[in-house]
Amino acid sequence: MLSHIELKKGLIVVVDGSPYQIIESAPQRCAQRRLMVQTKMKNLINGNVLEKTVHQGETFEEADVLKLKAKFIYSNKGKFLFCEEKDPSKRFELSQEQIGDTAMYLKPNTILEALIFKDKVINVLMPIKAQLKVKEAPPGVRGDRAQGGTKLVVLETGVQMNVPLFIETDDIIEINTENGEYVRRVE
């Protein structure tokens, strides 16, 4: 059992019989110097986010989650099809709600970790950084170079994002999937 002070970002716990991954965890002191922990947790089965204040004395069970290497195959109408990396005949499907906003960075043949809870695949863990090709980029406009400028480009998965002016079509860029920001151009 985990106490309230052991709840850290990334940990997977069981709440009301469902596995929740802790997205944010911030300790706070309140009246009479008692420590509370403000948490934000994501349900790994249906994608709902729960904000919960955990008080001193509350305990949580760590979820018994297995990890398996999986490969993304394709998406269609909000459904995402995956298969086991070693056995392509073993396929499973997840919804847009389960995967969340990071689904827009998935491209075919990406290797991910699938999470298994009670013998059922419930979600996948996206890598923190993804490398995608720039499909469309307007030319960078020369101007005041003392301040960094950005422009809107379209990536191979259809995502639009702001990048520095020097990025051109067919460049490969690295993106942080947690916050959706440009990281660097891959050489």
Protein backbone atom coordinates (compact mmCIF):
# COMPACT_ATOMS: atom_id res chain seq x y z
CA MET A 1 0.00 0.00 0.00
CA LEU A 2 1.15 3.51 -0.83
CA SER A 3 0.69 6.46 1.51
CA HIS A 4 -0.36 9.93 0.38
CA ILE A 5 3.25 11.22 0.27
CA GLU A 6 4.37 8.40 -2.05
CA LEU A 7 2.06 9.49 -4.89
CA LYS A 8 4.40 10.71 -7.64
CA LYS A 9 3.94 11.58 -11.32
CA GLY A 10 3.80 8.49 -13.55
CA LEU A 11 2.78 6.05 -10.80
CA ILE A 12 -0.23 3.81 -11.56
CA VAL A 13 -2.65 3.19 -8.67
CA VAL A 14 -6.07 1.52 -8.29
CA VAL A 15 -9.00 3.85 -7.52
CA ASP A 16 -12.49 2.31 -7.31
CA GLY A 17 -11.25 -0.82 -9.11
CA SER A 18 -9.79 1.04 -12.13
CA PRO A 19 -6.14 1.84 -12.88
CA TYR A 20 -5.27 5.54 -12.76
CA GLN A 21 -1.96 7.09 -13.78
CA ILE A 22 -0.89 10.12 -11.75
CA ILE A 23 -0.38 13.10 -14.09
CA GLU A 24 0.35 15.74 -11.43
CA SER A 25 1.12 15.57 -7.73
CA ALA A 26 1.67 18.61 -5.50
CA PRO A 27 1.99 18.48 -1.70
CA GLN A 28 0.29 21.28 0.27
CA ARG A 29 0.15 22.22 3.91
CA CYS A 30 -3.17 23.20 5.40
CA ALA A 31 -4.53 24.01 8.85
CA GLN A 32 -2.68 22.49 11.80
CA ARG A 33 0.30 21.72 9.53
CA ARG A 34 -1.29 18.61 8.03
CA LEU A 35 0.09 17.57 4.68
CA MET A 36 -2.35 17.04 1.81
CA VAL A 37 -1.48 16.09 -1.75
CA GLN A 38 -3.33 17.62 -4.71
CA THR A 39 -3.34 15.05 -7.51
CA LYS A 40 -4.59 14.84 -11.06
CA MET A 41 -5.07 11.27 -12.29
CA LYS A 42 -6.02 9.82 -15.68
CA ASN A 43 -8.17 6.71 -15.89
CA LEU A 44 -6.24 4.38 -18.21
CA ILE A 45 -9.37 2.52 -19.34
CA ASN A 46 -11.69 5.36 -20.40
CA GLY A 47 -9.35 8.39 -20.42
CA ASN A 48 -11.28 10.45 -17.83
CA VAL A 49 -9.24 12.80 -15.66
CA LEU A 50 -9.89 12.90 -11.91
CA GLU A 51 -8.69 15.68 -9.61
CA LYS A 52 -8.41 14.40 -6.06
CA THR A 53 -7.14 15.83 -2.76
CA VAL A 54 -5.47 13.05 -0.78
CA HIS A 55 -5.39 13.51 2.99
CA GLN A 56 -3.03 12.13 5.59
CA GLY A 57 -3.83 8.50 6.38
CA GLU A 58 -5.31 7.60 2.97
CA THR A 59 -3.60 4.70 1.23
CA PHE A 60 -3.62 3.42 -2.34
CA GLU A 61 -2.90 0.08 -3.92
CA GLU A 62 -0.31 0.13 -6.68
CA ALA A 63 -1.84 -1.29 -9.85
CA ASP A 64 -0.50 -4.61 -11.11
CA VAL A 65 0.11 -3.50 -14.69
CA LEU A 66 2.19 -5.49 -17.16
CA LYS A 67 3.95 -3.91 -20.13
CA LEU A 68 4.21 -5.36 -23.61
CA LYS A 69 5.91 -4.05 -26.76
CA ALA A 70 3.29 -3.13 -29.37
CA LYS A 71 3.32 -1.63 -32.85
CA PHE A 72 0.84 0.96 -34.12
CA ILE A 73 -0.73 -0.15 -37.42
CA TYR A 74 -3.33 2.47 -38.42
CA SER A 75 -6.25 4.61 -37.24
CA ASN A 76 -9.76 4.91 -38.64
CA LYS A 77 -12.74 6.92 -37.34
CA GLY A 78 -11.32 7.47 -33.85
CA LYS A 79 -10.17 3.86 -33.43
CA PHE A 80 -6.48 2.93 -33.26
CA LEU A 81 -5.30 -0.55 -34.21
CA PHE A 82 -2.17 -2.07 -32.66
CA CYS A 83 -0.48 -5.46 -32.70
CA GLU A 84 2.11 -7.21 -30.58
CA GLU A 85 5.61 -6.48 -31.85
CA LYS A 86 6.64 -10.15 -32.06
CA ASP A 87 3.26 -11.55 -33.17
CA PRO A 88 1.34 -9.36 -35.69
CA SER A 89 -1.65 -11.73 -35.58
CA LYS A 90 -2.41 -10.64 -31.99
CA ARG A 91 -4.18 -7.32 -32.53
CA PHE A 92 -6.04 -4.95 -30.26
CA GLU A 93 -7.95 -1.72 -30.69
CA LEU A 94 -8.08 1.42 -28.52
CA SER A 95 -10.27 4.50 -28.79
CA GLN A 96 -9.26 8.16 -29.12
CA GLU A 97 -10.56 8.80 -25.58
CA GLN A 98 -8.30 6.12 -24.10
CA ILE A 99 -5.11 7.32 -25.79
CA GLY A 100 -5.84 11.03 -25.40
CA ASP A 101 -4.37 14.03 -27.21
CA THR A 102 -1.02 12.34 -27.80
CA ALA A 103 -2.68 10.12 -30.45
CA MET A 104 -2.10 12.86 -33.03
CA TYR A 105 1.64 12.09 -32.94
CA LEU A 106 1.22 8.40 -33.84
CA LYS A 107 2.52 7.27 -37.21
CA PRO A 108 2.38 3.72 -38.61
CA ASN A 109 4.98 1.21 -37.36
CA THR A 110 5.74 3.20 -34.21
CA ILE A 111 6.82 0.88 -31.37
CA LEU A 112 5.11 1.62 -28.04
CA GLU A 113 4.54 -0.04 -24.68
CA ALA A 114 1.04 -1.45 -24.16
CA LEU A 115 -0.35 -1.62 -20.62
CA ILE A 116 -2.13 -4.82 -19.56
CA PHE A 117 -4.44 -4.78 -16.52
CA LYS A 118 -6.35 -7.92 -15.50
CA ASP A 119 -5.36 -9.72 -18.75
CA LYS A 120 -6.71 -6.94 -20.97
CA VAL A 121 -4.85 -4.25 -22.92
CA ILE A 122 -6.10 -0.96 -21.51
CA ASN A 123 -3.81 1.69 -23.01
CA VAL A 124 -0.44 2.47 -24.56
CA LEU A 125 2.40 4.64 -23.27
CA MET A 126 3.49 7.23 -25.80
CA PRO A 127 7.19 8.01 -26.02
CA ILE A 128 8.00 11.43 -24.57
CA LYS A 129 9.54 12.56 -27.87
CA ALA A 130 8.36 11.79 -31.39
CA GLN A 131 10.13 12.48 -34.68
CA LEU A 132 7.86 13.59 -37.51
CA LYS A 133 8.44 14.87 -41.05
CA VAL A 134 7.29 18.34 -42.07
CA LYS A 135 4.82 17.96 -44.96
CA GLU A 136 4.01 21.63 -45.61
CA ALA A 137 5.96 24.69 -44.52
CA PRO A 138 5.57 28.27 -45.75
CA PRO A 139 8.82 30.10 -46.48
CA GLY A 140 10.45 31.84 -43.51
CA VAL A 141 9.94 35.59 -43.69
CA ARG A 142 13.04 37.68 -43.16
CA GLY A 143 12.59 40.44 -40.71
CA ASP A 144 13.68 41.29 -37.21
CA ARG A 145 16.08 38.41 -36.48
CA ALA A 146 16.83 39.75 -33.01
CA GLN A 147 13.65 38.06 -31.85
CA GLY A 148 12.86 34.45 -32.61
CA GLY A 149 9.97 34.06 -35.00
CA THR A 150 7.74 31.08 -35.59
CA LYS A 151 5.57 29.82 -38.40
CA LEU A 152 2.77 27.26 -38.67
CA VAL A 153 3.66 23.98 -40.43
CA VAL A 154 1.77 20.75 -41.17
CA LEU A 155 3.36 17.47 -40.12
CA GLU A 156 3.03 14.04 -41.75
CA THR A 157 0.28 13.03 -39.30
CA GLY A 158 -1.77 16.13 -40.18
CA VAL A 159 -0.92 18.02 -36.98
CA GLN A 160 -0.33 21.77 -37.28
CA MET A 161 2.23 23.33 -34.96
CA ASN A 162 4.44 26.37 -34.54
CA VAL A 163 8.14 25.90 -35.30
CA PRO A 164 11.11 28.26 -35.81
CA LEU A 165 11.43 30.07 -39.15
CA PHE A 166 14.39 27.96 -40.36
CA ILE A 167 12.31 24.74 -40.58
CA GLU A 168 11.49 23.76 -44.18
CA THR A 169 9.42 21.13 -45.99
CA ASP A 170 10.83 17.56 -45.65
CA ASP A 171 12.77 18.41 -42.46
CA ILE A 172 12.36 15.95 -39.62
CA ILE A 173 11.62 17.56 -36.28
CA GLU A 174 11.38 16.25 -32.74
CA ILE A 175 8.28 17.04 -30.67
CA ASN A 176 7.60 16.68 -26.96
CA THR A 177 4.37 14.64 -26.87
CA GLU A 178 3.54 15.67 -23.29
CA ASN A 179 3.18 19.40 -24.04
CA GLY A 180 3.02 19.39 -27.87
CA GLU A 181 6.01 21.70 -28.33
CA TYR A 182 8.81 21.74 -30.88
CA VAL A 183 12.13 20.45 -29.43
CA ARG A 184 14.69 20.43 -32.25
CA ARG A 185 15.40 19.67 -35.90
CA VAL A 186 16.87 16.19 -36.43
CA GLU A 187 19.97 16.18 -38.63
